[in-house]
């Protein structure tokens, strides 16, 4: 079985970061689904996914993001992604994710995008 972990961290600005580590595939998607479900059940809708230590993502892993984005945005929140390796970014890019999600270089940039939205 593939090794995959999610660490949830709260930032000072009411934003929660999911730090992904390892291989996200069909066998490990329940770990990410549980993390998203826990945040939503706690009414935490401003989410950054830090992909710095994400080695691989399959279509099943990408499907997890699609499964939660509507619920998050319905509550005026968003899922923003940061710190992707070029290999992981290419997978997201091939499937058009940059048109659906903010994908930025750093977690701090993602947090600034939340701040910009709340000023408007």
PDB file of N, CA and C in Angstrom:
ATOM      1  N   UNK A   1       0.845  -1.189   0.000  1.00  0.00           N
ATOM      2  CA  UNK A   1       0.000   0.000   0.000  1.00  0.00           C
ATOM      3  C   UNK A   1       0.884   1.244   0.000  1.00  0.00           C
ATOM      4  N   UNK A   2       0.458   2.263  -0.696  1.00  0.00           N
ATOM      5  CA  UNK A   2       1.204   3.512  -0.801  1.00  0.00           C
ATOM      6  C   UNK A   2       1.202   4.255   0.525  1.00  0.00           C
ATOM      7  N   UNK A   3       2.242   5.042   0.736  1.00  0.00           N
ATOM      8  CA  UNK A   3       2.360   5.836   1.948  1.00  0.00           C
ATOM      9  C   UNK A   3       1.845   7.246   1.668  1.00  0.00           C
ATOM     10  N   UNK A   4       0.865   7.680   2.446  1.00  0.00           N
ATOM     11  CA  UNK A   4       0.297   9.014   2.277  1.00  0.00           C
ATOM     12  C   UNK A   4      -0.142   9.540   3.634  1.00  0.00           C
ATOM     13  N   UNK A   5       0.149  10.816   3.883  1.00  0.00           N
ATOM     14  CA  UNK A   5      -0.254  11.439   5.144  1.00  0.00           C
ATOM     15  C   UNK A   5      -0.789  12.844   4.873  1.00  0.00           C
ATOM     16  N   UNK A   6      -1.707  13.271   5.743  1.00  0.00           N
ATOM     17  CA  UNK A   6      -2.235  14.633   5.704  1.00  0.00           C
ATOM     18  C   UNK A   6      -2.082  15.212   7.103  1.00  0.00           C
ATOM     19  N   UNK A   7      -1.440  16.361   7.176  1.00  0.00           N
ATOM     20  CA  UNK A   7      -1.356  17.080   8.442  1.00  0.00           C
ATOM     21  C   UNK A   7      -2.197  18.349   8.296  1.00  0.00           C
ATOM     22  N   UNK A   8      -3.064  18.592   9.261  1.00  0.00           N
ATOM     23  CA  UNK A   8      -3.913  19.787   9.243  1.00  0.00           C
ATOM     24  C   UNK A   8      -3.308  20.803  10.206  1.00  0.00           C
ATOM     25  N   UNK A   9      -3.175  22.017   9.704  1.00  0.00           N
ATOM     26  CA  UNK A   9      -2.586  23.083  10.507  1.00  0.00           C
ATOM     27  C   UNK A   9      -3.446  24.328  10.358  1.00  0.00           C
ATOM     28  N   UNK A  10      -3.706  25.006  11.482  1.00  0.00           N
ATOM     29  CA  UNK A  10      -4.478  26.246  11.446  1.00  0.00           C
ATOM     30  C   UNK A  10      -3.519  27.426  11.407  1.00  0.00           C
ATOM     31  N   UNK A  11      -3.768  28.327  10.486  1.00  0.00           N
ATOM     32  CA  UNK A  11      -2.990  29.567  10.401  1.00  0.00           C
ATOM     33  C   UNK A  11      -3.668  30.626  11.267  1.00  0.00           C
ATOM     34  N   UNK A  12      -2.989  31.722  11.512  1.00  0.00           N
ATOM     35  CA  UNK A  12      -3.539  32.810  12.328  1.00  0.00           C
ATOM     36  C   UNK A  12      -4.746  33.472  11.683  1.00  0.00           C
ATOM     37  N   UNK A  13      -4.852  33.408  10.368  1.00  0.00           N
ATOM     38  CA  UNK A  13      -5.867  34.164   9.637  1.00  0.00           C
ATOM     39  C   UNK A  13      -7.124  33.350   9.306  1.00  0.00           C
ATOM     40  N   UNK A  14      -7.501  32.435  10.202  1.00  0.00           N
ATOM     41  CA  UNK A  14      -8.701  31.611  10.028  1.00  0.00           C
ATOM     42  C   UNK A  14      -8.655  30.799   8.734  1.00  0.00           C
ATOM     43  N   UNK A  15      -7.472  30.393   8.380  1.00  0.00           N
ATOM     44  CA  UNK A  15      -7.257  29.549   7.206  1.00  0.00           C
ATOM     45  C   UNK A  15      -6.648  28.244   7.711  1.00  0.00           C
ATOM     46  N   UNK A  16      -7.081  27.147   7.123  1.00  0.00           N
ATOM     47  CA  UNK A  16      -6.552  25.847   7.508  1.00  0.00           C
ATOM     48  C   UNK A  16      -5.753  25.255   6.352  1.00  0.00           C
ATOM     49  N   UNK A  17      -4.590  24.756   6.677  1.00  0.00           N
ATOM     50  CA  UNK A  17      -3.710  24.176   5.673  1.00  0.00           C
ATOM     51  C   UNK A  17      -3.691  22.660   5.808  1.00  0.00           C
ATOM     52  N   UNK A  18      -3.876  21.991   4.676  1.00  0.00           N
ATOM     53  CA  UNK A  18      -3.677  20.548   4.601  1.00  0.00           C
ATOM     54  C   UNK A  18      -2.316  20.328   3.956  1.00  0.00           C
ATOM     55  N   UNK A  19      -1.399  19.760   4.700  1.00  0.00           N
ATOM     56  CA  UNK A  19      -0.082  19.446   4.154  1.00  0.00           C
ATOM     57  C   UNK A  19      -0.103  17.989   3.707  1.00  0.00           C
ATOM     58  N   UNK A  20       0.101  17.780   2.405  1.00  0.00           N
ATOM     59  CA  UNK A  20       0.051  16.438   1.838  1.00  0.00           C
ATOM     60  C   UNK A  20       1.458  15.872   1.703  1.00  0.00           C
ATOM     61  N   UNK A  21       1.601  14.589   2.031  1.00  0.00           N
ATOM     62  CA  UNK A  21       2.907  13.957   1.934  1.00  0.00           C
ATOM     63  C   UNK A  21       2.759  12.549   1.370  1.00  0.00           C
ATOM     64  N   UNK A  22       3.500  12.273   0.309  1.00  0.00           N
ATOM     65  CA  UNK A  22       3.536  10.923  -0.229  1.00  0.00           C
ATOM     66  C   UNK A  22       2.748  10.765  -1.519  1.00  0.00           C
ATOM     67  N   UNK A  23       2.177   9.576  -1.687  1.00  0.00           N
ATOM     68  CA  UNK A  23       1.463   9.187  -2.909  1.00  0.00           C
ATOM     69  C   UNK A  23      -0.030   9.224  -2.672  1.00  0.00           C
ATOM     70  N   UNK A  24      -0.720  10.070  -3.430  1.00  0.00           N
ATOM     71  CA  UNK A  24      -2.177  10.156  -3.344  1.00  0.00           C
ATOM     72  C   UNK A  24      -2.756   9.404  -4.539  1.00  0.00           C
ATOM     73  N   UNK A  25      -3.309   8.244  -4.255  1.00  0.00           N
ATOM     74  CA  UNK A  25      -3.873   7.402  -5.314  1.00  0.00           C
ATOM     75  C   UNK A  25      -5.186   6.788  -4.823  1.00  0.00           C
ATOM     76  N   UNK A  26      -5.721   5.857  -5.570  1.00  0.00           N
ATOM     77  CA  UNK A  26      -7.022   5.264  -5.231  1.00  0.00           C
ATOM     78  C   UNK A  26      -7.019   4.621  -3.843  1.00  0.00           C
ATOM     79  N   UNK A  27      -5.883   4.100  -3.408  1.00  0.00           N
ATOM     80  CA  UNK A  27      -5.813   3.439  -2.098  1.00  0.00           C
ATOM     81  C   UNK A  27      -5.732   4.425  -0.943  1.00  0.00           C
ATOM     82  N   UNK A  28      -5.222   5.621  -1.211  1.00  0.00           N
ATOM     83  CA  UNK A  28      -4.992   6.575  -0.116  1.00  0.00           C
ATOM     84  C   UNK A  28      -5.978   7.749  -0.101  1.00  0.00           C
ATOM     85  N   UNK A  29      -6.854   7.841  -1.090  1.00  0.00           N
ATOM     86  CA  UNK A  29      -7.796   8.971  -1.118  1.00  0.00           C
ATOM     87  C   UNK A  29      -8.682   9.069   0.130  1.00  0.00           C
ATOM     88  N   UNK A  30      -9.045   7.950   0.789  1.00  0.00           N
ATOM     89  CA  UNK A  30      -9.879   8.111   1.991  1.00  0.00           C
ATOM     90  C   UNK A  30      -9.234   8.978   3.076  1.00  0.00           C
ATOM     91  N   UNK A  31      -7.911   8.993   3.140  1.00  0.00           N
ATOM     92  CA  UNK A  31      -7.225   9.828   4.136  1.00  0.00           C
ATOM     93  C   UNK A  31      -7.504  11.307   3.845  1.00  0.00           C
ATOM     94  N   UNK A  32      -7.398  11.717   2.591  1.00  0.00           N
ATOM     95  CA  UNK A  32      -7.667  13.110   2.215  1.00  0.00           C
ATOM     96  C   UNK A  32      -9.152  13.430   2.329  1.00  0.00           C
ATOM     97  N   UNK A  33      -9.999  12.510   1.932  1.00  0.00           N
ATOM     98  CA  UNK A  33     -11.442  12.725   2.053  1.00  0.00           C
ATOM     99  C   UNK A  33     -11.827  12.966   3.507  1.00  0.00           C
ATOM    100  N   UNK A  34     -11.265  12.175   4.420  1.00  0.00           N
ATOM    101  CA  UNK A  34     -11.563  12.339   5.843  1.00  0.00           C
ATOM    102  C   UNK A  34     -11.116  13.710   6.346  1.00  0.00           C
ATOM    103  N   UNK A  35      -9.948  14.170   5.893  1.00  0.00           N
ATOM    104  CA  UNK A  35      -9.440  15.477   6.319  1.00  0.00           C
ATOM    105  C   UNK A  35     -10.370  16.599   5.840  1.00  0.00           C
ATOM    106  N   UNK A  36     -10.786  16.537   4.572  1.00  0.00           N
ATOM    107  CA  UNK A  36     -11.724  17.542   4.057  1.00  0.00           C
ATOM    108  C   UNK A  36     -13.050  17.483   4.804  1.00  0.00           C
ATOM    109  N   UNK A  37     -13.565  16.279   5.006  1.00  0.00           N
ATOM    110  CA  UNK A  37     -14.859  16.126   5.673  1.00  0.00           C
ATOM    111  C   UNK A  37     -14.818  16.686   7.085  1.00  0.00           C
ATOM    112  N   UNK A  38     -13.715  16.472   7.787  1.00  0.00           N
ATOM    113  CA  UNK A  38     -13.573  16.996   9.151  1.00  0.00           C
ATOM    114  C   UNK A  38     -13.593  18.525   9.131  1.00  0.00           C
ATOM    115  N   UNK A  39     -12.855  19.143   8.208  1.00  0.00           N
ATOM    116  CA  UNK A  39     -12.863  20.603   8.124  1.00  0.00           C
ATOM    117  C   UNK A  39     -14.267  21.124   7.837  1.00  0.00           C
ATOM    118  N   UNK A  40     -14.960  20.522   6.890  1.00  0.00           N
ATOM    119  CA  UNK A  40     -16.298  20.983   6.545  1.00  0.00           C
ATOM    120  C   UNK A  40     -17.270  20.797   7.710  1.00  0.00           C
ATOM    121  N   UNK A  41     -17.160  19.696   8.430  1.00  0.00           N
ATOM    122  CA  UNK A  41     -18.062  19.474   9.562  1.00  0.00           C
ATOM    123  C   UNK A  41     -17.806  20.486  10.681  1.00  0.00           C
ATOM    124  N   UNK A  42     -16.579  21.047  10.711  1.00  0.00           N
ATOM    125  CA  UNK A  42     -16.237  22.083  11.699  1.00  0.00           C
ATOM    126  C   UNK A  42     -16.457  23.493  11.137  1.00  0.00           C
ATOM    127  N   UNK A  43     -17.084  23.562   9.952  1.00  0.00           N
ATOM    128  CA  UNK A  43     -17.387  24.836   9.289  1.00  0.00           C
ATOM    129  C   UNK A  43     -16.130  25.653   8.982  1.00  0.00           C
ATOM    130  N   UNK A  44     -15.106  24.965   8.541  1.00  0.00           N
ATOM    131  CA  UNK A  44     -13.843  25.597   8.147  1.00  0.00           C
ATOM    132  C   UNK A  44     -13.740  25.479   6.638  1.00  0.00           C
ATOM    133  N   UNK A  45     -13.926  26.624   5.953  1.00  0.00           N
ATOM    134  CA  UNK A  45     -14.061  26.610   4.503  1.00  0.00           C
ATOM    135  C   UNK A  45     -12.949  27.349   3.767  1.00  0.00           C
ATOM    136  N   UNK A  46     -11.994  27.895   4.478  1.00  0.00           N
ATOM    137  CA  UNK A  46     -10.854  28.565   3.844  1.00  0.00           C
ATOM    138  C   UNK A  46      -9.674  27.602   3.956  1.00  0.00           C
ATOM    139  N   UNK A  47      -9.396  26.923   2.863  1.00  0.00           N
ATOM    140  CA  UNK A  47      -8.466  25.794   2.900  1.00  0.00           C
ATOM    141  C   UNK A  47      -7.334  25.992   1.891  1.00  0.00           C
ATOM    142  N   UNK A  48      -6.125  25.788   2.375  1.00  0.00           N
ATOM    143  CA  UNK A  48      -4.946  25.749   1.502  1.00  0.00           C
ATOM    144  C   UNK A  48      -4.428  24.320   1.512  1.00  0.00           C
ATOM    145  N   UNK A  49      -4.136  23.799   0.338  1.00  0.00           N
ATOM    146  CA  UNK A  49      -3.531  22.473   0.226  1.00  0.00           C
ATOM    147  C   UNK A  49      -2.075  22.687  -0.167  1.00  0.00           C
ATOM    148  N   UNK A  50      -1.177  22.412   0.778  1.00  0.00           N
ATOM    149  CA  UNK A  50       0.256  22.556   0.544  1.00  0.00           C
ATOM    150  C   UNK A  50       0.772  21.226   0.006  1.00  0.00           C
ATOM    151  N   UNK A  51       1.270  21.261  -1.231  1.00  0.00           N
ATOM    152  CA  UNK A  51       1.675  20.039  -1.936  1.00  0.00           C
ATOM    153  C   UNK A  51       3.189  19.841  -1.972  1.00  0.00           C
ATOM    154  N   UNK A  52       3.904  20.547  -1.107  1.00  0.00           N
ATOM    155  CA  UNK A  52       5.368  20.510  -1.124  1.00  0.00           C
ATOM    156  C   UNK A  52       5.910  19.078  -1.074  1.00  0.00           C
ATOM    157  N   UNK A  53       5.311  18.232  -0.241  1.00  0.00           N
ATOM    158  CA  UNK A  53       5.803  16.865  -0.074  1.00  0.00           C
ATOM    159  C   UNK A  53       4.916  15.825  -0.758  1.00  0.00           C
ATOM    160  N   UNK A  54       4.067  16.281  -1.677  1.00  0.00           N
ATOM    161  CA  UNK A  54       3.240  15.356  -2.452  1.00  0.00           C
ATOM    162  C   UNK A  54       4.081  14.825  -3.607  1.00  0.00           C
ATOM    163  N   UNK A  55       4.334  13.526  -3.616  1.00  0.00           N
ATOM    164  CA  UNK A  55       5.198  12.916  -4.631  1.00  0.00           C
ATOM    165  C   UNK A  55       4.446  12.546  -5.901  1.00  0.00           C
ATOM    166  N   UNK A  56       3.165  12.204  -5.748  1.00  0.00           N
ATOM    167  CA  UNK A  56       2.401  11.674  -6.876  1.00  0.00           C
ATOM    168  C   UNK A  56       0.920  11.883  -6.592  1.00  0.00           C
ATOM    169  N   UNK A  57       0.151  12.141  -7.644  1.00  0.00           N
ATOM    170  CA  UNK A  57      -1.305  12.204  -7.510  1.00  0.00           C
ATOM    171  C   UNK A  57      -1.926  11.528  -8.725  1.00  0.00           C
ATOM    172  N   UNK A  58      -2.881  10.661  -8.469  1.00  0.00           N
ATOM    173  CA  UNK A  58      -3.588   9.963  -9.550  1.00  0.00           C
ATOM    174  C   UNK A  58      -4.902  10.673  -9.842  1.00  0.00           C
ATOM    175  N   UNK A  59      -5.613  10.195 -10.836  1.00  0.00           N
ATOM    176  CA  UNK A  59      -6.916  10.784 -11.154  1.00  0.00           C
ATOM    177  C   UNK A  59      -7.882  10.624  -9.980  1.00  0.00           C
ATOM    178  N   UNK A  60      -7.753   9.552  -9.232  1.00  0.00           N
ATOM    179  CA  UNK A  60      -8.603   9.367  -8.045  1.00  0.00           C
ATOM    180  C   UNK A  60      -8.321  10.465  -7.016  1.00  0.00           C
ATOM    181  N   UNK A  61      -7.056  10.810  -6.870  1.00  0.00           N
ATOM    182  CA  UNK A  61      -6.691  11.885  -5.949  1.00  0.00           C
ATOM    183  C   UNK A  61      -7.249  13.217  -6.402  1.00  0.00           C
ATOM    184  N   UNK A  62      -7.163  13.483  -7.697  1.00  0.00           N
ATOM    185  CA  UNK A  62      -7.723  14.721  -8.242  1.00  0.00           C
ATOM    186  C   UNK A  62      -9.232  14.776  -8.016  1.00  0.00           C
ATOM    187  N   UNK A  63      -9.864  13.627  -8.091  1.00  0.00           N
ATOM    188  CA  UNK A  63     -11.305  13.554  -7.888  1.00  0.00           C
ATOM    189  C   UNK A  63     -11.748  14.004  -6.505  1.00  0.00           C
ATOM    190  N   UNK A  64     -10.873  13.837  -5.518  1.00  0.00           N
ATOM    191  CA  UNK A  64     -11.214  14.276  -4.159  1.00  0.00           C
ATOM    192  C   UNK A  64     -11.426  15.786  -4.137  1.00  0.00           C
ATOM    193  N   UNK A  65     -10.546  16.518  -4.818  1.00  0.00           N
ATOM    194  CA  UNK A  65     -10.696  17.977  -4.851  1.00  0.00           C
ATOM    195  C   UNK A  65     -12.014  18.371  -5.521  1.00  0.00           C
ATOM    196  N   UNK A  66     -12.344  17.686  -6.601  1.00  0.00           N
ATOM    197  CA  UNK A  66     -13.592  17.986  -7.311  1.00  0.00           C
ATOM    198  C   UNK A  66     -14.811  17.654  -6.443  1.00  0.00           C
ATOM    199  N   UNK A  67     -14.686  16.639  -5.610  1.00  0.00           N
ATOM    200  CA  UNK A  67     -15.811  16.223  -4.771  1.00  0.00           C
ATOM    201  C   UNK A  67     -16.156  17.253  -3.700  1.00  0.00           C
ATOM    202  N   UNK A  68     -15.177  18.040  -3.264  1.00  0.00           N
ATOM    203  CA  UNK A  68     -15.408  18.968  -2.152  1.00  0.00           C
ATOM    204  C   UNK A  68     -15.516  20.431  -2.552  1.00  0.00           C
ATOM    205  N   UNK A  69     -15.071  20.802  -3.735  1.00  0.00           N
ATOM    206  CA  UNK A  69     -14.992  22.219  -4.076  1.00  0.00           C
ATOM    207  C   UNK A  69     -16.353  22.914  -4.084  1.00  0.00           C
ATOM    208  N   UNK A  70     -17.385  22.262  -4.578  1.00  0.00           N
ATOM    209  CA  UNK A  70     -18.703  22.906  -4.616  1.00  0.00           C
ATOM    210  C   UNK A  70     -19.226  23.188  -3.214  1.00  0.00           C
ATOM    211  N   UNK A  71     -19.065  22.231  -2.303  1.00  0.00           N
ATOM    212  CA  UNK A  71     -19.531  22.422  -0.926  1.00  0.00           C
ATOM    213  C   UNK A  71     -18.777  23.556  -0.250  1.00  0.00           C
ATOM    214  N   UNK A  72     -17.473  23.637  -0.489  1.00  0.00           N
ATOM    215  CA  UNK A  72     -16.652  24.683   0.118  1.00  0.00           C
ATOM    216  C   UNK A  72     -17.050  26.053  -0.433  1.00  0.00           C
ATOM    217  N   UNK A  73     -17.188  26.157  -1.731  1.00  0.00           N
ATOM    218  CA  UNK A  73     -17.530  27.448  -2.334  1.00  0.00           C
ATOM    219  C   UNK A  73     -18.959  27.862  -2.018  1.00  0.00           C
ATOM    220  N   UNK A  74     -19.847  26.919  -1.800  1.00  0.00           N
ATOM    221  CA  UNK A  74     -21.223  27.243  -1.419  1.00  0.00           C
ATOM    222  C   UNK A  74     -21.259  27.967  -0.073  1.00  0.00           C
ATOM    223  N   UNK A  75     -20.224  27.791   0.721  1.00  0.00           N
ATOM    224  CA  UNK A  75     -20.127  28.452   2.030  1.00  0.00           C
ATOM    225  C   UNK A  75     -19.192  29.663   1.988  1.00  0.00           C
ATOM    226  N   UNK A  76     -18.983  30.213   0.775  1.00  0.00           N
ATOM    227  CA  UNK A  76     -18.123  31.384   0.573  1.00  0.00           C
ATOM    228  C   UNK A  76     -16.645  31.102   0.885  1.00  0.00           C
ATOM    229  N   UNK A  77     -16.262  29.828   0.839  1.00  0.00           N
ATOM    230  CA  UNK A  77     -14.871  29.465   1.057  1.00  0.00           C
ATOM    231  C   UNK A  77     -14.206  29.103  -0.257  1.00  0.00           C
ATOM    232  N   UNK A  78     -13.012  28.535  -0.146  1.00  0.00           N
ATOM    233  CA  UNK A  78     -12.295  28.098  -1.341  1.00  0.00           C
ATOM    234  C   UNK A  78     -11.204  27.120  -0.947  1.00  0.00           C
ATOM    235  N   UNK A  79     -10.721  26.405  -1.945  1.00  0.00           N
ATOM    236  CA  UNK A  79      -9.568  25.533  -1.802  1.00  0.00           C
ATOM    237  C   UNK A  79      -8.497  26.105  -2.714  1.00  0.00           C
ATOM    238  N   UNK A  80      -7.380  26.490  -2.127  1.00  0.00           N
ATOM    239  CA  UNK A  80      -6.257  27.023  -2.897  1.00  0.00           C
ATOM    240  C   UNK A  80      -5.087  26.067  -2.719  1.00  0.00           C
ATOM    241  N   UNK A  81      -4.264  25.954  -3.744  1.00  0.00           N
ATOM    242  CA  UNK A  81      -3.163  24.987  -3.710  1.00  0.00           C
ATOM    243  C   UNK A  81      -1.835  25.695  -3.852  1.00  0.00           C
ATOM    244  N   UNK A  82      -0.828  25.161  -3.159  1.00  0.00           N
ATOM    245  CA  UNK A  82       0.486  25.800  -3.184  1.00  0.00           C
ATOM    246  C   UNK A  82       1.613  24.776  -3.155  1.00  0.00           C
ATOM    247  N   UNK A  83       2.813  25.284  -3.447  1.00  0.00           N
ATOM    248  CA  UNK A  83       4.067  24.556  -3.254  1.00  0.00           C
ATOM    249  C   UNK A  83       4.151  23.243  -4.039  1.00  0.00           C
ATOM    250  N   UNK A  84       3.622  23.229  -5.248  1.00  0.00           N
ATOM    251  CA  UNK A  84       3.671  21.999  -6.063  1.00  0.00           C
ATOM    252  C   UNK A  84       5.021  21.838  -6.742  1.00  0.00           C
ATOM    253  N   UNK A  85       5.462  20.600  -6.802  1.00  0.00           N
ATOM    254  CA  UNK A  85       6.640  20.307  -7.611  1.00  0.00           C
ATOM    255  C   UNK A  85       6.215  20.400  -9.074  1.00  0.00           C
ATOM    256  N   UNK A  86       7.157  20.609  -9.987  1.00  0.00           N
ATOM    257  CA  UNK A  86       6.788  20.663 -11.405  1.00  0.00           C
ATOM    258  C   UNK A  86       6.077  19.384 -11.875  1.00  0.00           C
ATOM    259  N   UNK A  87       6.502  18.246 -11.388  1.00  0.00           N
ATOM    260  CA  UNK A  87       5.885  16.970 -11.779  1.00  0.00           C
ATOM    261  C   UNK A  87       4.407  16.917 -11.373  1.00  0.00           C
ATOM    262  N   UNK A  88       4.115  17.305 -10.142  1.00  0.00           N
ATOM    263  CA  UNK A  88       2.733  17.294  -9.656  1.00  0.00           C
ATOM    264  C   UNK A  88       1.919  18.383 -10.361  1.00  0.00           C
ATOM    265  N   UNK A  89       2.501  19.571 -10.533  1.00  0.00           N
ATOM    266  CA  UNK A  89       1.785  20.644 -11.226  1.00  0.00           C
ATOM    267  C   UNK A  89       1.391  20.204 -12.634  1.00  0.00           C
ATOM    268  N   UNK A  90       2.267  19.510 -13.331  1.00  0.00           N
ATOM    269  CA  UNK A  90       1.959  19.062 -14.698  1.00  0.00           C
ATOM    270  C   UNK A  90       0.710  18.201 -14.740  1.00  0.00           C
ATOM    271  N   UNK A  91       0.518  17.368 -13.736  1.00  0.00           N
ATOM    272  CA  UNK A  91      -0.682  16.523 -13.692  1.00  0.00           C
ATOM    273  C   UNK A  91      -1.924  17.396 -13.524  1.00  0.00           C
ATOM    274  N   UNK A  92      -1.874  18.350 -12.591  1.00  0.00           N
ATOM    275  CA  UNK A  92      -2.996  19.272 -12.400  1.00  0.00           C
ATOM    276  C   UNK A  92      -3.253  20.084 -13.673  1.00  0.00           C
ATOM    277  N   UNK A  93      -2.167  20.541 -14.285  1.00  0.00           N
ATOM    278  CA  UNK A  93      -2.268  21.387 -15.471  1.00  0.00           C
ATOM    279  C   UNK A  93      -2.881  20.637 -16.655  1.00  0.00           C
ATOM    280  N   UNK A  94      -2.458  19.397 -16.857  1.00  0.00           N
ATOM    281  CA  UNK A  94      -2.986  18.596 -17.975  1.00  0.00           C
ATOM    282  C   UNK A  94      -4.499  18.444 -17.903  1.00  0.00           C
ATOM    283  N   UNK A  95      -5.022  18.422 -16.686  1.00  0.00           N
ATOM    284  CA  UNK A  95      -6.464  18.226 -16.516  1.00  0.00           C
ATOM    285  C   UNK A  95      -7.233  19.528 -16.305  1.00  0.00           C
ATOM    286  N   UNK A  96      -6.561  20.662 -16.516  1.00  0.00           N
ATOM    287  CA  UNK A  96      -7.248  21.947 -16.478  1.00  0.00           C
ATOM    288  C   UNK A  96      -7.514  22.523 -15.102  1.00  0.00           C
ATOM    289  N   UNK A  97      -6.876  22.002 -14.069  1.00  0.00           N
ATOM    290  CA  UNK A  97      -7.127  22.500 -12.722  1.00  0.00           C
ATOM    291  C   UNK A  97      -6.768  23.972 -12.525  1.00  0.00           C
ATOM    292  N   UNK A  98      -5.740  24.515 -13.201  1.00  0.00           N
ATOM    293  CA  UNK A  98      -5.453  25.939 -13.002  1.00  0.00           C
ATOM    294  C   UNK A  98      -6.612  26.857 -13.407  1.00  0.00           C
ATOM    295  N   UNK A  99      -7.540  26.381 -14.212  1.00  0.00           N
ATOM    296  CA  UNK A  99      -8.715  27.192 -14.564  1.00  0.00           C
ATOM    297  C   UNK A  99      -9.780  27.127 -13.466  1.00  0.00           C
ATOM    298  N   UNK A 100      -9.710  26.121 -12.605  1.00  0.00           N
ATOM    299  CA  UNK A 100     -10.719  25.922 -11.573  1.00  0.00           C
ATOM    300  C   UNK A 100     -10.264  26.334 -10.181  1.00  0.00           C
ATOM    301  N   UNK A 101      -8.966  26.313  -9.956  1.00  0.00           N
ATOM    302  CA  UNK A 101      -8.394  26.552  -8.632  1.00  0.00           C
ATOM    303  C   UNK A 101      -7.267  27.565  -8.727  1.00  0.00           C
ATOM    304  N   UNK A 102      -7.056  28.309  -7.628  1.00  0.00           N
ATOM    305  CA  UNK A 102      -5.854  29.130  -7.519  1.00  0.00           C
ATOM    306  C   UNK A 102      -4.716  28.180  -7.154  1.00  0.00           C
ATOM    307  N   UNK A 103      -3.718  28.106  -8.018  1.00  0.00           N
ATOM    308  CA  UNK A 103      -2.517  27.323  -7.745  1.00  0.00           C
ATOM    309  C   UNK A 103      -1.361  28.304  -7.749  1.00  0.00           C
ATOM    310  N   UNK A 104      -0.743  28.481  -6.585  1.00  0.00           N
ATOM    311  CA  UNK A 104       0.310  29.479  -6.428  1.00  0.00           C
ATOM    312  C   UNK A 104       1.583  28.821  -5.900  1.00  0.00           C
ATOM    313  N   UNK A 105       2.678  29.595  -5.957  1.00  0.00           N
ATOM    314  CA  UNK A 105       3.982  29.044  -5.578  1.00  0.00           C
ATOM    315  C   UNK A 105       4.100  28.750  -4.093  1.00  0.00           C
ATOM    316  N   UNK A 106       3.593  29.643  -3.236  1.00  0.00           N
ATOM    317  CA  UNK A 106       3.788  29.468  -1.796  1.00  0.00           C
ATOM    318  C   UNK A 106       2.471  29.522  -1.029  1.00  0.00           C
ATOM    319  N   UNK A 107       2.508  28.957   0.148  1.00  0.00           N
ATOM    320  CA  UNK A 107       1.341  28.977   1.028  1.00  0.00           C
ATOM    321  C   UNK A 107       0.968  30.413   1.415  1.00  0.00           C
ATOM    322  N   UNK A 108       1.975  31.253   1.634  1.00  0.00           N
ATOM    323  CA  UNK A 108       1.693  32.647   1.971  1.00  0.00           C
ATOM    324  C   UNK A 108       0.969  33.372   0.836  1.00  0.00           C
ATOM    325  N   UNK A 109       1.329  33.065  -0.408  1.00  0.00           N
ATOM    326  CA  UNK A 109       0.617  33.657  -1.550  1.00  0.00           C
ATOM    327  C   UNK A 109      -0.841  33.221  -1.547  1.00  0.00           C
ATOM    328  N   UNK A 110      -1.079  31.959  -1.228  1.00  0.00           N
ATOM    329  CA  UNK A 110      -2.457  31.454  -1.173  1.00  0.00           C
ATOM    330  C   UNK A 110      -3.236  32.183  -0.085  1.00  0.00           C
ATOM    331  N   UNK A 111      -2.610  32.400   1.068  1.00  0.00           N
ATOM    332  CA  UNK A 111      -3.272  33.116   2.162  1.00  0.00           C
ATOM    333  C   UNK A 111      -3.602  34.547   1.744  1.00  0.00           C
ATOM    334  N   UNK A 112      -2.703  35.186   0.997  1.00  0.00           N
ATOM    335  CA  UNK A 112      -2.953  36.553   0.521  1.00  0.00           C
ATOM    336  C   UNK A 112      -4.161  36.587  -0.404  1.00  0.00           C
ATOM    337  N   UNK A 113      -4.346  35.537  -1.200  1.00  0.00           N
ATOM    338  CA  UNK A 113      -5.518  35.490  -2.095  1.00  0.00           C
ATOM    339  C   UNK A 113      -6.812  35.480  -1.281  1.00  0.00           C
ATOM    340  N   UNK A 114      -6.815  34.782  -0.141  1.00  0.00           N
ATOM    341  CA  UNK A 114      -8.003  34.819   0.727  1.00  0.00           C
ATOM    342  C   UNK A 114      -8.210  36.230   1.253  1.00  0.00           C
ATOM    343  N   UNK A 115      -7.131  36.894   1.658  1.00  0.00           N
ATOM    344  CA  UNK A 115      -7.233  38.257   2.194  1.00  0.00           C
ATOM    345  C   UNK A 115      -7.755  39.221   1.134  1.00  0.00           C
ATOM    346  N   UNK A 116      -7.288  39.081  -0.117  1.00  0.00           N
ATOM    347  CA  UNK A 116      -7.744  39.939  -1.207  1.00  0.00           C
ATOM    348  C   UNK A 116      -9.236  39.761  -1.439  1.00  0.00           C
ATOM    349  N   UNK A 117      -9.720  38.544  -1.360  1.00  0.00           N
ATOM    350  CA  UNK A 117     -11.125  38.283  -1.607  1.00  0.00           C
ATOM    351  C   UNK A 117     -11.997  38.904  -0.516  1.00  0.00           C
ATOM    352  N   UNK A 118     -11.538  38.875   0.740  1.00  0.00           N
ATOM    353  CA  UNK A 118     -12.372  39.422   1.814  1.00  0.00           C
ATOM    354  C   UNK A 118     -12.378  40.943   1.828  1.00  0.00           C
ATOM    355  N   UNK A 119     -11.422  41.585   1.169  1.00  0.00           N
ATOM    356  CA  UNK A 119     -11.403  43.050   1.082  1.00  0.00           C
ATOM    357  C   UNK A 119     -12.448  43.536   0.092  1.00  0.00           C
ATOM    358  N   UNK A 120     -12.695  42.783  -0.951  1.00  0.00           N
ATOM    359  CA  UNK A 120     -13.634  43.201  -2.007  1.00  0.00           C
ATOM    360  C   UNK A 120     -15.046  43.332  -1.533  1.00  0.00           C
TER     361      UNK A 120
END
